[in-house]
C-alpha atoms as a PDB file:
ATOM      1  CA  MET A   1    -101.786  30.955 -14.346  1.00  0.00           C
ATOM      2  CA  GLN A   2    -103.975  32.599 -17.417  1.00  0.00           C
ATOM      3  CA  ASN A   3    -101.599  33.582 -20.385  1.00  0.00           C
ATOM      4  CA  ALA A   4     -98.553  32.053 -18.946  1.00  0.00           C
ATOM      5  CA  SER A   5     -96.614  28.708 -20.071  1.00  0.00           C
ATOM      6  CA  LEU A   6     -96.189  26.242 -17.667  1.00  0.00           C
ATOM      7  CA  ILE A   7     -93.685  23.282 -18.599  1.00  0.00           C
ATOM      8  CA  ASP A   8     -93.362  19.980 -17.370  1.00  0.00           C
ATOM      9  CA  PHE A   9     -89.950  19.026 -17.522  1.00  0.00           C
ATOM     10  CA  ALA A  10     -90.980  15.517 -16.697  1.00  0.00           C
ATOM     11  CA  GLY A  11     -93.505  14.960 -19.052  1.00  0.00           C
ATOM     12  CA  PRO A  12     -93.946  14.067 -22.623  1.00  0.00           C
ATOM     13  CA  ALA A  13     -91.946  16.583 -25.043  1.00  0.00           C
ATOM     14  CA  ARG A  14     -94.673  19.065 -26.437  1.00  0.00           C
ATOM     15  CA  ALA A  15     -94.618  22.730 -28.073  1.00  0.00           C
ATOM     16  CA  THR A  16     -92.630  25.011 -25.548  1.00  0.00           C
ATOM     17  CA  PRO A  17     -90.851  28.136 -25.715  1.00  0.00           C
ATOM     18  CA  PHE A  18     -87.832  25.783 -25.917  1.00  0.00           C
ATOM     19  CA  ALA A  19     -86.160  23.598 -28.216  1.00  0.00           C
ATOM     20  CA  LEU A  20     -85.507  20.379 -26.466  1.00  0.00           C
ATOM     21  CA  ALA A  21     -82.498  18.787 -27.539  1.00  0.00           C
ATOM     22  CA  HIS A  22     -81.512  16.107 -24.597  1.00  0.00           C
ATOM     23  CA  ARG A  23     -83.904  14.937 -21.667  1.00  0.00           C
ATOM     24  CA  LEU A  24     -83.535  12.684 -18.569  1.00  0.00           C
ATOM     25  CA  SER A  25     -86.245  12.197 -16.154  1.00  0.00           C
ATOM     26  CA  VAL A  26     -85.438   9.550 -12.931  1.00  0.00           C
ATOM     27  CA  GLY A  27     -87.845   9.332 -10.123  1.00  0.00           C
ATOM     28  CA  THR A  28     -88.186  12.991  -8.800  1.00  0.00           C
ATOM     29  CA  VAL A  29     -85.346  14.620 -10.968  1.00  0.00           C
ATOM     30  CA  ALA A  30     -85.394  16.015 -14.744  1.00  0.00           C
ATOM     31  CA  LEU A  31     -82.584  17.299 -16.660  1.00  0.00           C
ATOM     32  CA  THR A  32     -82.812  18.860 -19.647  1.00  0.00           C
ATOM     33  CA  ARG A  33     -80.489  20.739 -22.269  1.00  0.00           C
ATOM     34  CA  CYS A  34     -82.171  22.933 -24.500  1.00  0.00           C
ATOM     35  CA  THR A  35     -81.983  26.052 -27.013  1.00  0.00           C
ATOM     36  CA  LEU A  36     -84.719  28.614 -25.938  1.00  0.00           C
ATOM     37  CA  HIS A  37     -86.523  30.202 -28.667  1.00  0.00           C
ATOM     38  CA  PRO A  38     -86.654  34.155 -28.934  1.00  0.00           C
ATOM     39  CA  ASN A  39     -88.961  35.738 -26.760  1.00  0.00           C
ATOM     40  CA  PRO A  40     -90.696  38.568 -27.383  1.00  0.00           C
ATOM     41  CA  GLY A  41     -92.379  38.943 -24.240  1.00  0.00           C
ATOM     42  CA  ARG A  42     -94.325  36.301 -22.369  1.00  0.00           C
ATOM     43  CA  ARG A  43     -94.900  34.654 -18.830  1.00  0.00           C
ATOM     44  CA  ILE A  44     -93.046  31.487 -18.509  1.00  0.00           C
ATOM     45  CA  GLY A  45     -92.617  29.075 -15.663  1.00  0.00           C
ATOM     46  CA  ALA A  46     -92.437  25.442 -14.524  1.00  0.00           C
ATOM     47  CA  VAL A  47     -94.346  22.952 -12.956  1.00  0.00           C
ATOM     48  CA  GLN A  48     -91.431  21.809 -11.230  1.00  0.00           C
ATOM     49  CA  LEU A  49     -88.779  23.687  -8.957  1.00  0.00           C
ATOM     50  CA  THR A  50     -86.028  24.673 -11.397  1.00  0.00           C
ATOM     51  CA  VAL A  51     -82.659  25.743 -11.741  1.00  0.00           C
ATOM     52  CA  ALA A  52     -81.603  27.004 -15.348  1.00  0.00           C
ATOM     53  CA  VAL A  53     -77.875  27.320 -15.966  1.00  0.00           C
ATOM     54  CA  HIS A  54     -76.804  29.288 -18.985  1.00  0.00           C
ATOM     55  CA  GLN A  55     -74.347  27.764 -21.014  1.00  0.00           C
ATOM     56  CA  GLY A  56     -74.077  29.456 -24.384  1.00  0.00           C
ATOM     57  CA  ALA A  57     -73.114  32.888 -25.407  1.00  0.00           C
ATOM     58  CA  PRO A  58     -73.919  36.038 -23.439  1.00  0.00           C
ATOM     59  CA  PHE A  59     -77.320  37.735 -23.982  1.00  0.00           C
ATOM     60  CA  ARG A  60     -79.424  40.340 -22.739  1.00  0.00           C
ATOM     61  CA  MET A  61     -82.601  39.469 -20.730  1.00  0.00           C
ATOM     62  CA  GLU A  62     -85.299  41.452 -19.129  1.00  0.00           C
ATOM     63  CA  TRP A  63     -88.016  40.108 -16.834  1.00  0.00           C
ATOM     64  CA  ARG A  64     -90.442  41.280 -14.417  1.00  0.00           C
ATOM     65  CA  MET A  65     -91.078  39.838 -10.648  1.00  0.00           C
ATOM     66  CA  PRO A  66     -94.030  38.338  -9.856  1.00  0.00           C
ATOM     67  CA  GLY A  67     -96.387  41.144  -8.244  1.00  0.00           C
ATOM     68  CA  SER A  68     -93.914  43.845  -9.866  1.00  0.00           C
ATOM     69  CA  ASP A  69     -94.417  46.096 -12.977  1.00  0.00           C
ATOM     70  CA  ARG A  70     -90.332  47.067 -12.905  1.00  0.00           C
ATOM     71  CA  LEU A  71     -88.512  46.027 -15.647  1.00  0.00           C
ATOM     72  CA  GLN A  72     -85.129  44.785 -15.025  1.00  0.00           C
ATOM     73  CA  GLN A  73     -82.598  43.706 -17.474  1.00  0.00           C
ATOM     74  CA  ARG A  74     -79.163  41.964 -16.942  1.00  0.00           C
ATOM     75  CA  LEU A  75     -76.494  40.646 -19.481  1.00  0.00           C
ATOM     76  CA  ILE A  76     -76.443  37.048 -19.072  1.00  0.00           C
ATOM     77  CA  THR A  77     -73.074  35.533 -19.085  1.00  0.00           C
ATOM     78  CA  PRO A  78     -72.241  31.588 -19.164  1.00  0.00           C
ATOM     79  CA  GLY A  79     -72.606  29.891 -15.789  1.00  0.00           C
ATOM     80  CA  THR A  80     -75.213  31.985 -14.403  1.00  0.00           C
ATOM     81  CA  VAL A  81     -78.332  30.877 -12.979  1.00  0.00           C
ATOM     82  CA  HIS A  82     -82.153  31.400 -13.328  1.00  0.00           C
ATOM     83  CA  ILE A  83     -84.106  30.226 -10.368  1.00  0.00           C
ATOM     84  CA  THR A  84     -87.868  29.805  -9.734  1.00  0.00           C
ATOM     85  CA  SER A  85     -90.178  27.944  -7.757  1.00  0.00           C
ATOM     86  CA  SER A  86     -92.673  25.511  -9.100  1.00  0.00           C
ATOM     87  CA  ASN A  87     -95.598  27.399 -10.368  1.00  0.00           C
ATOM     88  CA  GLN A  88     -93.943  30.415 -10.339  1.00  0.00           C
ATOM     89  CA  PRO A  89     -94.132  32.193 -14.000  1.00  0.00           C
ATOM     90  CA  LEU A  90     -92.244  35.271 -14.448  1.00  0.00           C
ATOM     91  CA  TRP A  91     -92.546  37.677 -17.366  1.00  0.00           C
ATOM     92  CA  GLN A  92     -89.430  37.455 -19.561  1.00  0.00           C
ATOM     93  CA  ARG A  93     -88.061  38.926 -22.876  1.00  0.00           C
ATOM     94  CA  TRP A  94     -84.833  37.775 -24.716  1.00  0.00           C
ATOM     95  CA  ARG A  95     -83.609  37.873 -28.282  1.00  0.00           C
ATOM     96  CA  GLY A  96     -81.525  35.341 -30.064  1.00  0.00           C
ATOM     97  CA  ARG A  97     -81.376  31.246 -28.940  1.00  0.00           C
ATOM     98  CA  PRO A  98     -79.532  31.298 -25.688  1.00  0.00           C
ATOM     99  CA  ARG A  99     -78.694  27.590 -24.448  1.00  0.00           C
ATOM    100  CA  VAL A 100     -79.370  26.165 -21.077  1.00  0.00           C
ATOM    101  CA  LEU A 101     -79.145  23.045 -18.945  1.00  0.00           C
ATOM    102  CA  VAL A 102     -82.206  22.577 -16.761  1.00  0.00           C
ATOM    103  CA  ILE A 103     -82.176  20.587 -13.319  1.00  0.00           C
ATOM    104  CA  ALA A 104     -86.430  20.428 -12.417  1.00  0.00           C
ATOM    105  CA  ILE A 105     -87.204  19.006  -9.148  1.00  0.00           C
ATOM    106  CA  ASP A 106     -90.649  17.746  -8.259  1.00  0.00           C
ATOM    107  CA  HIS A 107     -91.934  20.262  -5.970  1.00  0.00           C
ATOM    108  CA  GLU A 108     -93.243  17.672  -3.131  1.00  0.00           C
ATOM    109  CA  PHE A 109     -89.792  15.897  -2.958  1.00  0.00           C
ATOM    110  CA  ALA A 110     -88.217  19.615  -2.537  1.00  0.00           C
ATOM    111  CA  PHE A 111     -90.682  20.896   0.159  1.00  0.00           C
ATOM    112  CA  ASP A 112     -90.454  17.327   2.091  1.00  0.00           C
ATOM    113  CA  VAL A 113     -86.333  17.815   1.620  1.00  0.00           C
ATOM    114  CA  ALA A 114     -86.478  21.469   3.031  1.00  0.00           C
ATOM    115  CA  GLN A 115     -89.519  20.868   6.040  1.00  0.00           C
ATOM    116  CA  ARG A 116     -87.551  17.836   7.316  1.00  0.00           C
ATOM    117  CA  ALA A 117     -83.893  19.543   7.011  1.00  0.00           C
ATOM    118  CA  PHE A 118     -84.529  22.725   8.783  1.00  0.00           C
ATOM    119  CA  ASP A 119     -86.143  23.578  11.796  1.00  0.00           C
ATOM    120  CA  VAL A 120     -88.671  26.122  10.552  1.00  0.00           C
ATOM    121  CA  ALA A 121     -92.327  26.045   9.795  1.00  0.00           C
ATOM    122  CA  PHE A 122     -93.547  26.659   5.971  1.00  0.00           C
ATOM    123  CA  SER A 123     -96.658  28.861   5.310  1.00  0.00           C
ATOM    124  CA  SER A 124     -97.517  27.029   2.072  1.00  0.00           C
ATOM    125  CA  ASP A 125     -97.378  23.203   0.944  1.00  0.00           C
ATOM    126  CA  HIS A 126     -94.468  23.808  -1.546  1.00  0.00           C
ATOM    127  CA  LEU A 127     -90.975  25.390  -0.922  1.00  0.00           C
ATOM    128  CA  GLU A 128     -91.184  29.006  -2.090  1.00  0.00           C
ATOM    129  CA  LEU A 129     -87.959  30.493  -3.234  1.00  0.00           C
ATOM    130  CA  ASN A 130     -87.054  34.193  -3.859  1.00  0.00           C
ATOM    131  CA  PRO A 131     -86.653  34.259  -7.663  1.00  0.00           C
ATOM    132  CA  ALA A 132     -83.214  34.812  -9.005  1.00  0.00           C
ATOM    133  CA  ILE A 133     -82.347  35.816 -12.516  1.00  0.00           C
ATOM    134  CA  GLY A 134     -78.301  35.541 -13.806  1.00  0.00           C
ATOM    135  CA  ALA A 135     -77.402  34.333 -10.321  1.00  0.00           C
ATOM    136  CA  ASP A 136     -73.506  33.867  -9.734  1.00  0.00           C
ATOM    137  CA  ASP A 137     -73.627  30.881  -7.477  1.00  0.00           C
ATOM    138  CA  SER A 138     -70.690  28.785  -7.087  1.00  0.00           C
ATOM    139  CA  LEU A 139     -71.944  25.575  -5.504  1.00  0.00           C
ATOM    140  CA  ILE A 140     -74.348  25.312  -8.135  1.00  0.00           C
ATOM    141  CA  ARG A 141     -72.033  25.949 -10.690  1.00  0.00           C
ATOM    142  CA  ASP A 142     -70.189  22.919  -8.949  1.00  0.00           C
ATOM    143  CA  MET A 143     -73.240  20.547  -9.077  1.00  0.00           C
ATOM    144  CA  THR A 144     -73.942  21.556 -12.350  1.00  0.00           C
ATOM    145  CA  ALA A 145     -70.856  19.389 -13.684  1.00  0.00           C
ATOM    146  CA  LEU A 146     -71.921  16.087 -11.845  1.00  0.00           C
ATOM    147  CA  PHE A 147     -75.705  16.669 -12.995  1.00  0.00           C
ATOM    148  CA  ALA A 148     -74.554  17.366 -16.475  1.00  0.00           C
ATOM    149  CA  ASN A 149     -72.458  14.221 -16.510  1.00  0.00           C
ATOM    150  CA  GLU A 150     -75.426  12.106 -15.950  1.00  0.00           C
ATOM    151  CA  LEU A 151     -77.100  13.574 -18.435  1.00  0.00           C
ATOM    152  CA  THR A 152     -74.611  12.741 -21.114  1.00  0.00           C
ATOM    153  CA  SER A 153     -74.536   9.204 -19.703  1.00  0.00           C
ATOM    154  CA  ASN A 154     -78.471   9.239 -19.735  1.00  0.00           C
ATOM    155  CA  GLY A 155     -78.156   8.469 -15.948  1.00  0.00           C
ATOM    156  CA  ALA A 156     -75.764   5.691 -15.573  1.00  0.00           C
ATOM    157  CA  SER A 157     -75.086   6.307 -11.778  1.00  0.00           C
ATOM    158  CA  GLY A 158     -78.768   5.607 -11.023  1.00  0.00           C
ATOM    159  CA  GLN A 159     -81.537   7.173  -9.284  1.00  0.00           C
ATOM    160  CA  LEU A 160     -80.072   6.989  -5.751  1.00  0.00           C
ATOM    161  CA  PHE A 161     -77.264   9.265  -6.856  1.00  0.00           C
ATOM    162  CA  LEU A 162     -79.317  11.851  -9.009  1.00  0.00           C
ATOM    163  CA  GLU A 163     -81.662  11.962  -5.982  1.00  0.00           C
ATOM    164  CA  GLY A 164     -79.063  12.299  -3.776  1.00  0.00           C
ATOM    165  CA  LEU A 165     -77.916  15.619  -5.678  1.00  0.00           C
ATOM    166  CA  ALA A 166     -81.228  17.058  -5.999  1.00  0.00           C
ATOM    167  CA  THR A 167     -81.458  16.683  -2.092  1.00  0.00           C
ATOM    168  CA  SER A 168     -78.254  18.565  -1.677  1.00  0.00           C
ATOM    169  CA  LEU A 169     -79.418  21.166  -4.284  1.00  0.00           C
ATOM    170  CA  ALA A 170     -82.912  21.700  -2.388  1.00  0.00           C
ATOM    171  CA  VAL A 171     -81.286  22.025   0.973  1.00  0.00           C
ATOM    172  CA  HIS A 172     -79.078  25.020  -0.570  1.00  0.00           C
ATOM    173  CA  LEU A 173     -81.812  26.734  -2.477  1.00  0.00           C
ATOM    174  CA  ALA A 174     -84.102  26.864   0.667  1.00  0.00           C
ATOM    175  CA  ARG A 175     -80.921  27.925   2.700  1.00  0.00           C
ATOM    176  CA  SER A 176     -79.855  30.587   0.075  1.00  0.00           C
ATOM    177  CA  TYR A 177     -82.959  31.613  -1.775  1.00  0.00           C
ATOM    178  CA  GLY A 178     -85.821  30.538   0.375  1.00  0.00           C
ATOM    179  CA  ALA A 179     -88.709  33.008   1.173  1.00  0.00           C
ATOM    180  CA  ALA A 180     -88.672  32.291   4.805  1.00  0.00           C
ATOM    181  CA  PRO A 181     -85.315  32.113   6.378  1.00  0.00           C
ATOM    182  CA  ALA A 182     -83.791  28.303   7.105  1.00  0.00           C
ATOM    183  CA  ARG A 183     -81.226  27.025   9.425  1.00  0.00           C
ATOM    184  CA  LEU A 184     -80.020  23.380   9.200  1.00  0.00           C
ATOM    185  CA  PRO A 185     -80.145  22.128  12.722  1.00  0.00           C
ATOM    186  CA  ARG A 186     -77.413  20.457  14.798  1.00  0.00           C
ATOM    187  CA  HIS A 187     -77.004  16.960  13.876  1.00  0.00           C
ATOM    188  CA  HIS A 188     -74.493  15.062  14.884  1.00  0.00           C
ATOM    189  CA  GLY A 189     -75.808  11.135  15.429  1.00  0.00           C
ATOM    190  CA  GLY A 190     -75.630   8.314  13.069  1.00  0.00           C
ATOM    191  CA  LEU A 191     -77.931   5.343  12.500  1.00  0.00           C
ATOM    192  CA  ALA A 192     -78.895   2.835  15.295  1.00  0.00           C
ATOM    193  CA  PRO A 193     -77.131  -0.256  14.628  1.00  0.00           C
ATOM    194  CA  ASN A 194     -80.528  -1.936  13.979  1.00  0.00           C
ATOM    195  CA  ARG A 195     -81.405   0.476  11.316  1.00  0.00           C
ATOM    196  CA  LEU A 196     -78.068   0.617   9.956  1.00  0.00           C
ATOM    197  CA  ARG A 197     -78.485  -3.390   9.449  1.00  0.00           C
ATOM    198  CA  ARG A 198     -81.374  -3.378   8.124  1.00  0.00           C
ATOM    199  CA  VAL A 199     -80.273  -0.656   5.333  1.00  0.00           C
ATOM    200  CA  THR A 200     -77.112  -2.520   4.646  1.00  0.00           C
ATOM    201  CA  GLU A 201     -79.037  -5.948   4.312  1.00  0.00           C
ATOM    202  CA  TYR A 202     -81.328  -4.238   2.261  1.00  0.00           C
ATOM    203  CA  ILE A 203     -78.542  -3.050  -0.316  1.00  0.00           C
ATOM    204  CA  ALA A 204     -77.163  -6.375  -0.087  1.00  0.00           C
ATOM    205  CA  ASP A 205     -80.256  -8.293  -1.343  1.00  0.00           C
ATOM    206  CA  ASN A 206     -80.965  -5.488  -4.155  1.00  0.00           C
ATOM    207  CA  LEU A 207     -77.886  -4.884  -5.775  1.00  0.00           C
ATOM    208  CA  ALA A 208     -79.091  -5.357  -9.170  1.00  0.00           C
ATOM    209  CA  ALA A 209     -81.676  -2.575  -8.585  1.00  0.00           C
ATOM    210  CA  ASP A 210     -82.095   0.964  -9.210  1.00  0.00           C
ATOM    211  CA  LEU A 211     -82.178   1.635  -5.718  1.00  0.00           C
ATOM    212  CA  ASN A 212     -83.374   5.626  -4.920  1.00  0.00           C
ATOM    213  CA  GLN A 213     -82.780   7.707  -1.686  1.00  0.00           C
ATOM    214  CA  SER A 214     -86.722   7.433  -0.334  1.00  0.00           C
ATOM    215  CA  GLU A 215     -86.465   3.772  -0.941  1.00  0.00           C
ATOM    216  CA  LEU A 216     -83.709   3.418   1.606  1.00  0.00           C
ATOM    217  CA  ALA A 217     -85.060   6.041   4.073  1.00  0.00           C
ATOM    218  CA  ALA A 218     -88.069   4.140   4.209  1.00  0.00           C
ATOM    219  CA  VAL A 219     -86.290   0.920   5.322  1.00  0.00           C
ATOM    220  CA  ALA A 220     -84.430   3.207   8.197  1.00  0.00           C
ATOM    221  CA  GLU A 221     -87.782   4.794   8.953  1.00  0.00           C
ATOM    222  CA  LEU A 222     -86.226   7.976   8.578  1.00  0.00           C
ATOM    223  CA  SER A 223     -86.966  11.447   6.277  1.00  0.00           C
ATOM    224  CA  GLN A 224     -84.427  11.092   3.238  1.00  0.00           C
ATOM    225  CA  PHE A 225     -82.449  14.221   4.474  1.00  0.00           C
ATOM    226  CA  HIS A 226     -81.696  13.011   7.942  1.00  0.00           C
ATOM    227  CA  PHE A 227     -81.523   9.446   6.545  1.00  0.00           C
ATOM    228  CA  ALA A 228     -78.243  10.755   4.402  1.00  0.00           C
ATOM    229  CA  ARG A 229     -76.735  12.471   7.110  1.00  0.00           C
ATOM    230  CA  ALA A 230     -77.147   9.986   9.972  1.00  0.00           C
ATOM    231  CA  PHE A 231     -75.843   7.038   7.181  1.00  0.00           C
ATOM    232  CA  ARG A 232     -72.441   9.241   5.979  1.00  0.00           C
ATOM    233  CA  ALA A 233     -71.951   9.262   9.794  1.00  0.00           C
ATOM    234  CA  SER A 234     -72.412   5.884  10.645  1.00  0.00           C
ATOM    235  CA  VAL A 235     -70.617   4.510   7.589  1.00  0.00           C
ATOM    236  CA  GLY A 236     -68.361   7.461   6.553  1.00  0.00           C
ATOM    237  CA  ARG A 237     -69.387   7.737   3.085  1.00  0.00           C
ATOM    238  CA  SER A 238     -72.761   8.715   1.108  1.00  0.00           C
ATOM    239  CA  PRO A 239     -75.554   6.024   0.578  1.00  0.00           C
ATOM    240  CA  HIS A 240     -74.532   6.098  -3.247  1.00  0.00           C
ATOM    241  CA  SER A 241     -70.491   5.438  -2.644  1.00  0.00           C
ATOM    242  CA  TYR A 242     -71.625   2.664  -0.542  1.00  0.00           C
ATOM    243  CA  LEU A 243     -73.731   1.155  -3.006  1.00  0.00           C
ATOM    244  CA  ILE A 244     -71.070   1.378  -5.729  1.00  0.00           C
ATOM    245  CA  GLU A 245     -68.599  -0.071  -3.141  1.00  0.00           C
ATOM    246  CA  GLN A 246     -71.036  -3.130  -2.672  1.00  0.00           C
ATOM    247  CA  ARG A 247     -71.605  -3.476  -6.293  1.00  0.00           C
ATOM    248  CA  VAL A 248     -67.643  -3.830  -7.089  1.00  0.00           C
ATOM    249  CA  ASN A 249     -67.133  -6.348  -4.183  1.00  0.00           C
ATOM    250  CA  ARG A 250     -69.921  -8.348  -5.530  1.00  0.00           C
ATOM    251  CA  ALA A 251     -68.598  -8.026  -8.620  1.00  0.00           C
ATOM    252  CA  LYS A 252     -64.987  -9.399  -7.492  1.00  0.00           C
ATOM    253  CA  GLU A 253     -66.925 -12.759  -6.425  1.00  0.00           C
ATOM    254  CA  LEU A 254     -68.511 -12.938  -9.729  1.00  0.00           C
ATOM    255  CA  LEU A 255     -65.316 -12.734 -11.766  1.00  0.00           C
ATOM    256  CA  ALA A 256     -63.906 -15.650 -10.419  1.00  0.00           C
ATOM    257  CA  ASP A 257     -66.784 -17.593 -12.480  1.00  0.00           C
ATOM    258  CA  PRO A 258     -65.275 -18.187 -16.217  1.00  0.00           C
ATOM    259  CA  ARG A 259     -68.465 -19.194 -17.254  1.00  0.00           C
ATOM    260  CA  LEU A 260     -69.713 -15.325 -16.649  1.00  0.00           C
ATOM    261  CA  SER A 261     -68.882 -12.781 -19.000  1.00  0.00           C
ATOM    262  CA  ILE A 262     -67.668  -9.459 -17.661  1.00  0.00           C
ATOM    263  CA  SER A 263     -70.967  -7.634 -19.302  1.00  0.00           C
ATOM    264  CA  GLU A 264     -73.103 -10.210 -17.590  1.00  0.00           C
ATOM    265  CA  VAL A 265     -71.208  -9.454 -14.443  1.00  0.00           C
ATOM    266  CA  SER A 266     -71.857  -5.874 -14.759  1.00  0.00           C
ATOM    267  CA  LEU A 267     -75.355  -6.372 -15.406  1.00  0.00           C
ATOM    268  CA  SER A 268     -76.031  -8.864 -12.418  1.00  0.00           C
ATOM    269  CA  VAL A 269     -74.426  -6.155  -9.830  1.00  0.00           C
ATOM    270  CA  GLY A 270     -76.715  -3.441 -11.160  1.00  0.00           C
ATOM    271  CA  PHE A 271     -74.375  -1.284 -13.086  1.00  0.00           C
ATOM    272  CA  SER A 272     -75.946  -0.032 -16.726  1.00  0.00           C
ATOM    273  CA  SER A 273     -73.047  -1.400 -18.744  1.00  0.00           C
ATOM    274  CA  GLN A 274     -69.328  -3.096 -18.412  1.00  0.00           C
ATOM    275  CA  SER A 275     -68.053   0.127 -19.137  1.00  0.00           C
ATOM    276  CA  HIS A 276     -69.745   1.695 -15.902  1.00  0.00           C
ATOM    277  CA  LEU A 277     -68.397  -1.443 -13.810  1.00  0.00           C
ATOM    278  CA  THR A 278     -64.970  -1.035 -15.443  1.00  0.00           C
ATOM    279  CA  PHE A 279     -64.899   2.388 -14.214  1.00  0.00           C
ATOM    280  CA  HIS A 280     -65.935   1.962 -10.995  1.00  0.00           C
ATOM    281  CA  PHE A 281     -63.873  -0.865 -10.481  1.00  0.00           C
ATOM    282  CA  HIS A 282     -60.786   0.594 -11.533  1.00  0.00           C
ATOM    283  CA  ARG A 283     -61.120   3.630  -9.479  1.00  0.00           C
ATOM    284  CA  LEU A 284     -61.547   1.084  -6.472  1.00  0.00           C
ATOM    285  CA  THR A 285     -59.019  -1.114  -7.232  1.00  0.00           C
ATOM    286  CA  GLY A 286     -56.515   0.280  -9.254  1.00  0.00           C
ATOM    287  CA  MET A 287     -57.448  -2.691 -12.052  1.00  0.00           C
ATOM    288  CA  THR A 288     -59.665  -3.326 -14.421  1.00  0.00           C
ATOM    289  CA  PRO A 289     -62.237  -6.192 -14.290  1.00  0.00           C
ATOM    290  CA  ALA A 290     -60.357  -8.349 -16.955  1.00  0.00           C
ATOM    291  CA  ARG A 291     -57.230  -7.756 -15.462  1.00  0.00           C
ATOM    292  CA  PHE A 292     -58.724  -8.494 -11.953  1.00  0.00           C
ATOM    293  CA  ARG A 293     -59.892 -12.128 -13.577  1.00  0.00           C
ATOM    294  CA  ARG A 294     -56.378 -12.732 -14.997  1.00  0.00           C
ATOM    295  CA  SER A 295     -54.723 -12.320 -11.600  1.00  0.00           C
ATOM    296  CA  LEU A 296     -57.003 -14.968  -9.812  1.00  0.00           C
END
């Protein structure tokens, strides 16, 4: 990696080719909204698998793929994405100060998801992707709004939600941009009753904690990817959706105690704030916590 700039989006803020405006690092996922400094030509990469979504005015970019001397160029437009594997610097050049939202996923997490999601043997110890510059990917574009909301809310939905998004993104990247072809195996079964009981009891006992997908998968003794699919098959919704529903149900019970403020109820069931509880409570019940309390 000599003469290459490798950025750690989950690490401490240091001098980089970017001006970092807003950062969020939760578990195996880091989100960063940043402005790129003008770059006269250098090799830039990251220690994580990265998806950079362009959000500013169009700009022209030049680059060379790894191991190639051929110079390529393209007008980069809003919503298009740059995709690179971990530790895969590319020679790049641009003018101006374009703005991007960077989704950085820990390479071990992404590799584990891909390895367990697909019936394919990977030739390396990380998820190798074919680099893409200025790609038009509608699925990533749709997911960007969810990642951006988490960054704006400073991770209000919690680690389980963010890692669930990262799992879906890693599967999509492996299938669509993987250096080796990948195909999802057929899987229709849900969790065995004893596994499901262990997971739901664990969630009930830890509603106030910032639960993550690897934690719940370990309780079920499954890989993260297969746990998420099996849980949805058994319960009819994602682990995160189920967790939110259980938090709201517990909040209903606590709201019956007039000695507890709504803010105290919010924190005791794992919501980051009263407004976060109010949003999900209204979404699931059609009324606010205050109105629900008055109706008791």
